[in-house]
Amino acid sequence: MKYTTVREYLLGLVEDGLAPPGSKIPSERELCERFGVSRMTVRQAVDALVVDGLLERVQGRGTFVAQPKVDMQLRLTSFDEEMRRRHMEPSSRVLTAAQVAAPAEVAAALERPAGAGVYYLHRVRVADGVPMALEENWVPADLVPGLLDAEHADGTFAALAQHGYPPSWGEDVIEAVTVRDRSAALLGVPDGAAGLLITRRTFSANVAVSYARSIYRGDRYALWAPVSPPSPAVAPPWRSGAGSGRPLPVHAKGGLS
């Protein structure tokens, strides 16, 4: 098929590094002339690569090689660890770092009284200089005294482990969201872009040690999860009323702004 020839040519440009991420592909006219095919044939070839996530159309500008997506496998690791595992250099831009009174939703997630002291961290998570996620994180203040001090610069998980609360398991709620306003600006995406909202509770044995809400760029992440045959729901025996093994119904309302 003629469209296959065009598709394989474009695929070769990308795979051979001749068209790096962010570069514009040849125009429809150039491809028509090069292969002696119709515009419809060229569009069919380009459409196939757009569906595969290899190319992306930008309205009013043309078609470009898409940035590679990071496979997001759900692991109980920090953002920094995940990025280094992928040979990327992580960094963060801190928007807020303070000790605050826990709002009702956060207190429920951490199984603390409303108004209990918690550390609140709001950060832009960056990899190789590119904003990847916008993260809010709450940690009970009594578990890690001085969490915001320089001595804990290695991260929240490391600080928890140092104080006898190594994270051992967690539960996630994953939702598709639309990234708006300030969140979009902080992530460097257009207003209205797609994102993944992951709400996570982290535990050390039977103690809730962290509650986090993170918005990941939809254009840079693809969720990967292993699948196994059906089995009975698993819930830790100390979780009274958690027979379903499902997380508490704590969700961000409408994403961050």
Protein backbone atom coordinates (compact mmCIF):
# COMPACT_ATOMS: atom_id res chain seq x y z
CA MET A 1 0.00 0.00 0.00
CA LYS A 2 1.28 3.46 -0.88
CA TYR A 3 0.48 4.95 2.52
CA THR A 4 2.69 2.28 4.13
CA THR A 5 5.69 3.55 2.16
CA VAL A 6 5.13 7.08 3.45
CA ARG A 7 4.57 5.82 6.98
CA GLU A 8 7.77 3.75 6.98
CA TYR A 9 9.74 6.73 5.65
CA LEU A 10 8.52 9.00 8.45
CA LEU A 11 9.05 6.25 11.01
CA GLY A 12 12.62 5.84 9.78
CA LEU A 13 13.30 9.57 10.16
CA VAL A 14 12.30 9.35 13.81
CA GLU A 15 13.97 6.04 14.67
CA ASP A 16 17.24 7.00 12.96
CA GLY A 17 17.38 10.31 14.81
CA LEU A 18 17.04 12.38 11.64
CA ALA A 19 13.85 13.95 13.03
CA PRO A 20 14.35 14.48 16.78
CA PRO A 21 11.45 15.17 19.20
CA GLY A 22 9.94 18.59 18.60
CA SER A 23 11.05 18.82 14.97
CA LYS A 24 8.56 19.44 12.18
CA ILE A 25 8.03 16.69 9.62
CA PRO A 26 8.06 17.40 5.86
CA SER A 27 4.90 19.09 4.60
CA GLU A 28 2.11 17.20 2.85
CA ARG A 29 3.17 18.80 -0.43
CA GLU A 30 6.78 17.65 -0.02
CA LEU A 31 5.70 14.11 0.79
CA CYS A 32 3.25 14.02 -2.12
CA GLU A 33 5.98 15.09 -4.55
CA ARG A 34 8.59 12.73 -3.07
CA PHE A 35 6.43 9.61 -3.29
CA GLY A 36 4.04 10.54 -6.11
CA VAL A 37 0.95 10.04 -3.97
CA SER A 38 -2.17 12.01 -3.14
CA ARG A 39 -2.68 14.21 -0.09
CA MET A 40 -5.23 11.68 1.17
CA THR A 41 -2.57 8.97 1.14
CA VAL A 42 -0.11 11.20 3.01
CA ARG A 43 -2.73 12.10 5.61
CA GLN A 44 -3.53 8.42 6.12
CA ALA A 45 0.14 7.71 6.83
CA VAL A 46 0.50 10.67 9.19
CA ASP A 47 -2.78 9.83 10.96
CA ALA A 48 -1.48 6.34 11.72
CA LEU A 49 1.64 7.76 13.39
CA VAL A 50 -0.39 10.32 15.32
CA VAL A 51 -2.58 7.51 16.69
CA ASP A 52 0.61 5.62 17.65
CA GLY A 53 1.78 8.69 19.58
CA LEU A 54 4.88 9.16 17.42
CA LEU A 55 3.66 12.41 15.84
CA GLU A 56 1.46 15.22 17.11
CA ARG A 57 -0.50 17.90 15.28
CA VAL A 58 -0.31 21.48 16.52
CA GLN A 59 -3.19 23.60 15.21
CA GLY A 60 -1.99 26.37 12.94
CA ARG A 61 1.64 25.18 13.00
CA GLY A 62 1.84 21.72 11.46
CA THR A 63 2.81 18.20 12.49
CA PHE A 64 5.77 17.52 14.77
CA VAL A 65 7.65 14.57 16.20
CA ALA A 66 6.14 13.95 19.64
CA GLN A 67 8.18 14.03 22.80
CA PRO A 68 8.77 10.49 24.09
CA LYS A 69 6.44 9.42 26.89
CA VAL A 70 7.66 8.14 30.22
CA ASP A 71 6.11 4.83 31.20
CA MET A 72 4.45 5.43 34.56
CA GLN A 73 4.56 2.14 36.43
CA LEU A 74 2.97 2.40 39.85
CA ARG A 75 5.76 1.85 42.36
CA LEU A 76 6.28 3.02 45.90
CA THR A 77 9.27 5.18 45.02
CA SER A 78 9.97 8.89 44.99
CA PHE A 79 9.86 11.03 41.86
CA ASP A 80 13.65 11.47 41.99
CA GLU A 81 14.22 7.71 42.14
CA GLU A 82 11.88 7.11 39.21
CA MET A 83 13.57 9.69 37.01
CA ARG A 84 17.08 8.47 37.82
CA ARG A 85 15.95 4.95 36.98
CA ARG A 86 15.16 6.29 33.53
CA HIS A 87 18.56 8.04 33.30
CA MET A 88 16.97 11.47 33.64
CA GLU A 89 18.16 14.22 35.98
CA PRO A 90 15.44 15.17 38.49
CA SER A 91 14.97 18.52 40.19
CA SER A 92 12.17 20.45 41.87
CA ARG A 93 10.89 23.99 42.08
CA VAL A 94 9.35 24.59 45.49
CA LEU A 95 6.20 26.70 45.43
CA THR A 96 5.23 26.26 49.07
CA ALA A 97 6.92 24.55 52.03
CA ALA A 98 5.26 25.13 55.39
CA GLN A 99 3.76 23.55 58.49
CA VAL A 100 -0.02 24.00 58.40
CA ALA A 101 -3.21 22.75 60.02
CA ALA A 102 -4.54 19.77 58.08
CA PRO A 103 -7.76 20.45 56.14
CA ALA A 104 -10.53 17.94 56.77
CA GLU A 105 -9.87 15.89 53.61
CA VAL A 106 -6.14 15.67 54.30
CA ALA A 107 -6.71 14.80 57.96
CA ALA A 108 -9.08 11.98 56.96
CA ALA A 109 -6.57 10.60 54.46
CA LEU A 110 -3.80 10.66 57.09
CA GLU A 111 -6.16 9.32 59.78
CA ARG A 112 -5.52 12.36 61.99
CA PRO A 113 -7.85 14.84 63.69
CA ALA A 114 -8.87 17.81 61.55
CA GLY A 115 -6.46 20.66 62.18
CA ALA A 116 -3.55 18.39 63.16
CA GLY A 117 -0.14 19.75 62.27
CA VAL A 118 1.17 18.62 58.89
CA TYR A 119 3.98 19.63 56.59
CA TYR A 120 2.72 20.87 53.22
CA LEU A 121 4.97 20.74 50.16
CA HIS A 122 3.83 22.11 46.79
CA ARG A 123 6.40 21.53 44.06
CA VAL A 124 6.91 21.46 40.32
CA ARG A 125 8.71 18.20 39.56
CA VAL A 126 11.23 18.50 36.74
CA ALA A 127 13.25 15.97 34.69
CA ASP A 128 16.09 17.02 32.37
CA GLY A 129 14.88 20.60 32.69
CA VAL A 130 11.31 19.83 31.60
CA PRO A 131 8.34 20.23 34.02
CA MET A 132 6.75 16.79 34.35
CA ALA A 133 4.36 16.98 37.30
CA LEU A 134 2.79 19.32 39.81
CA GLU A 135 2.78 17.75 43.27
CA GLU A 136 1.09 18.53 46.59
CA ASN A 137 2.22 16.46 49.57
CA TRP A 138 1.18 16.39 53.23
CA VAL A 139 3.14 14.59 55.98
CA PRO A 140 2.19 14.43 59.71
CA ALA A 141 4.50 16.85 61.50
CA ASP A 142 4.97 14.65 64.57
CA LEU A 143 6.44 11.82 62.48
CA VAL A 144 9.35 13.80 61.02
CA PRO A 145 10.29 16.78 63.19
CA GLY A 146 12.10 19.39 61.12
CA LEU A 147 11.16 17.87 57.76
CA LEU A 148 11.64 21.23 56.05
CA ASP A 149 15.17 21.67 57.42
CA ALA A 150 18.19 21.34 55.14
CA GLU A 151 19.18 18.02 56.76
CA HIS A 152 16.24 16.36 55.00
CA ALA A 153 17.16 17.57 51.53
CA ASP A 154 17.30 13.95 50.29
CA GLY A 155 13.51 13.82 50.21
CA THR A 156 10.40 12.90 52.16
CA PHE A 157 10.72 9.12 51.85
CA ALA A 158 14.32 9.20 53.07
CA ALA A 159 13.37 11.44 56.00
CA LEU A 160 10.52 9.12 57.00
CA ALA A 161 12.87 6.13 56.91
CA GLN A 162 15.42 7.96 59.05
CA HIS A 163 12.76 8.56 61.71
CA GLY A 164 11.62 4.94 61.80
CA TYR A 165 8.74 5.13 59.31
CA PRO A 166 10.00 3.59 56.05
CA PRO A 167 7.20 3.60 53.45
CA SER A 168 6.06 0.01 52.97
CA TRP A 169 2.84 0.14 50.96
CA GLY A 170 0.38 2.57 49.45
CA GLU A 171 -2.86 3.01 47.55
CA ASP A 172 -3.54 5.17 44.50
CA VAL A 173 -6.59 6.69 42.85
CA ILE A 174 -5.96 7.64 39.20
CA GLU A 175 -8.16 10.05 37.25
CA ALA A 176 -8.04 11.87 33.92
CA VAL A 177 -8.16 15.64 34.39
CA THR A 178 -8.01 18.81 32.34
CA VAL A 179 -5.07 21.02 33.32
CA ARG A 180 -6.15 24.64 33.65
CA ASP A 181 -4.91 28.13 34.43
CA ARG A 182 -1.92 28.33 36.78
CA SER A 183 -1.35 24.57 36.74
CA ALA A 184 -1.05 24.61 32.96
CA ALA A 185 1.39 27.53 33.10
CA LEU A 186 3.54 25.81 35.72
CA LEU A 187 3.68 22.61 33.67
CA GLY A 188 4.33 24.45 30.41
CA VAL A 189 1.28 23.01 28.64
CA PRO A 190 -1.64 24.73 26.88
CA ASP A 191 -4.67 25.61 28.99
CA GLY A 192 -7.06 22.67 28.73
CA ALA A 193 -4.35 20.06 28.13
CA ALA A 194 -4.90 16.49 29.33
CA GLY A 195 -3.32 15.32 32.55
CA LEU A 196 -3.24 12.37 34.94
CA LEU A 197 -4.20 13.05 38.54
CA ILE A 198 -2.79 10.50 40.98
CA THR A 199 -3.98 10.68 44.58
CA ARG A 200 -1.76 8.55 46.81
CA ARG A 201 -1.80 7.51 50.45
CA THR A 202 1.46 6.00 51.70
CA PHE A 203 1.82 3.84 54.79
CA SER A 204 4.57 2.53 57.00
CA ALA A 205 3.08 -0.70 58.37
CA ASN A 206 -0.25 0.53 59.80
CA VAL A 207 0.65 4.24 60.01
CA ALA A 208 -0.43 6.70 57.29
CA VAL A 209 2.74 8.71 56.63
CA SER A 210 1.96 10.72 53.51
CA TYR A 211 -0.92 11.97 51.39
CA ALA A 212 -0.14 13.34 47.94
CA ARG A 213 -1.96 14.70 44.89
CA SER A 214 0.08 14.91 41.71
CA ILE A 215 -0.89 16.08 38.24
CA TYR A 216 1.28 14.55 35.52
CA ARG A 217 1.47 15.87 31.98
CA GLY A 218 -0.66 13.71 29.71
CA ASP A 219 1.67 14.35 26.78
CA ARG A 220 4.71 12.99 28.64
CA TYR A 221 3.30 10.02 30.55
CA ALA A 222 1.72 6.70 29.65
CA LEU A 223 0.40 4.56 32.48
CA TRP A 224 1.79 1.01 32.52
CA ALA A 225 0.41 -1.61 34.87
CA PRO A 226 0.98 -5.39 35.08
CA VAL A 227 -2.17 -7.50 34.83
CA SER A 228 -2.73 -10.79 36.63
CA PRO A 229 -5.60 -13.29 36.88
CA PRO A 230 -8.45 -12.37 39.25
CA SER A 231 -7.79 -13.05 42.93
CA PRO A 232 -9.50 -12.17 46.23
CA ALA A 233 -9.16 -8.53 47.23
CA VAL A 234 -6.26 -7.99 49.58
CA ALA A 235 -6.52 -5.68 52.60
CA PRO A 236 -4.12 -5.47 55.55
CA PRO A 237 -5.71 -7.14 58.60
CA TRP A 238 -5.40 -4.02 60.74
CA ARG A 239 -7.50 -1.94 58.31
CA SER A 240 -10.90 -2.27 59.97
CA GLY A 241 -13.67 -1.85 57.44
CA ALA A 242 -11.22 -2.12 54.54
CA GLY A 243 -12.39 -5.52 53.39
CA SER A 244 -12.67 -4.30 49.82
CA GLY A 245 -9.02 -3.24 49.74
CA ARG A 246 -10.08 0.04 48.14
CA PRO A 247 -8.73 3.44 49.14
CA LEU A 248 -10.81 5.98 50.99
CA PRO A 249 -12.89 8.23 48.70
CA VAL A 250 -10.55 11.21 48.85
CA HIS A 251 -10.21 13.00 45.53
CA ALA A 252 -9.01 16.36 44.29
CA LYS A 253 -11.95 18.36 43.03
CA GLY A 254 -11.33 19.48 39.45
CA GLY A 255 -7.55 19.36 39.65
CA LEU A 256 -5.19 22.14 40.66
CA SER A 257 -5.41 25.72 39.49
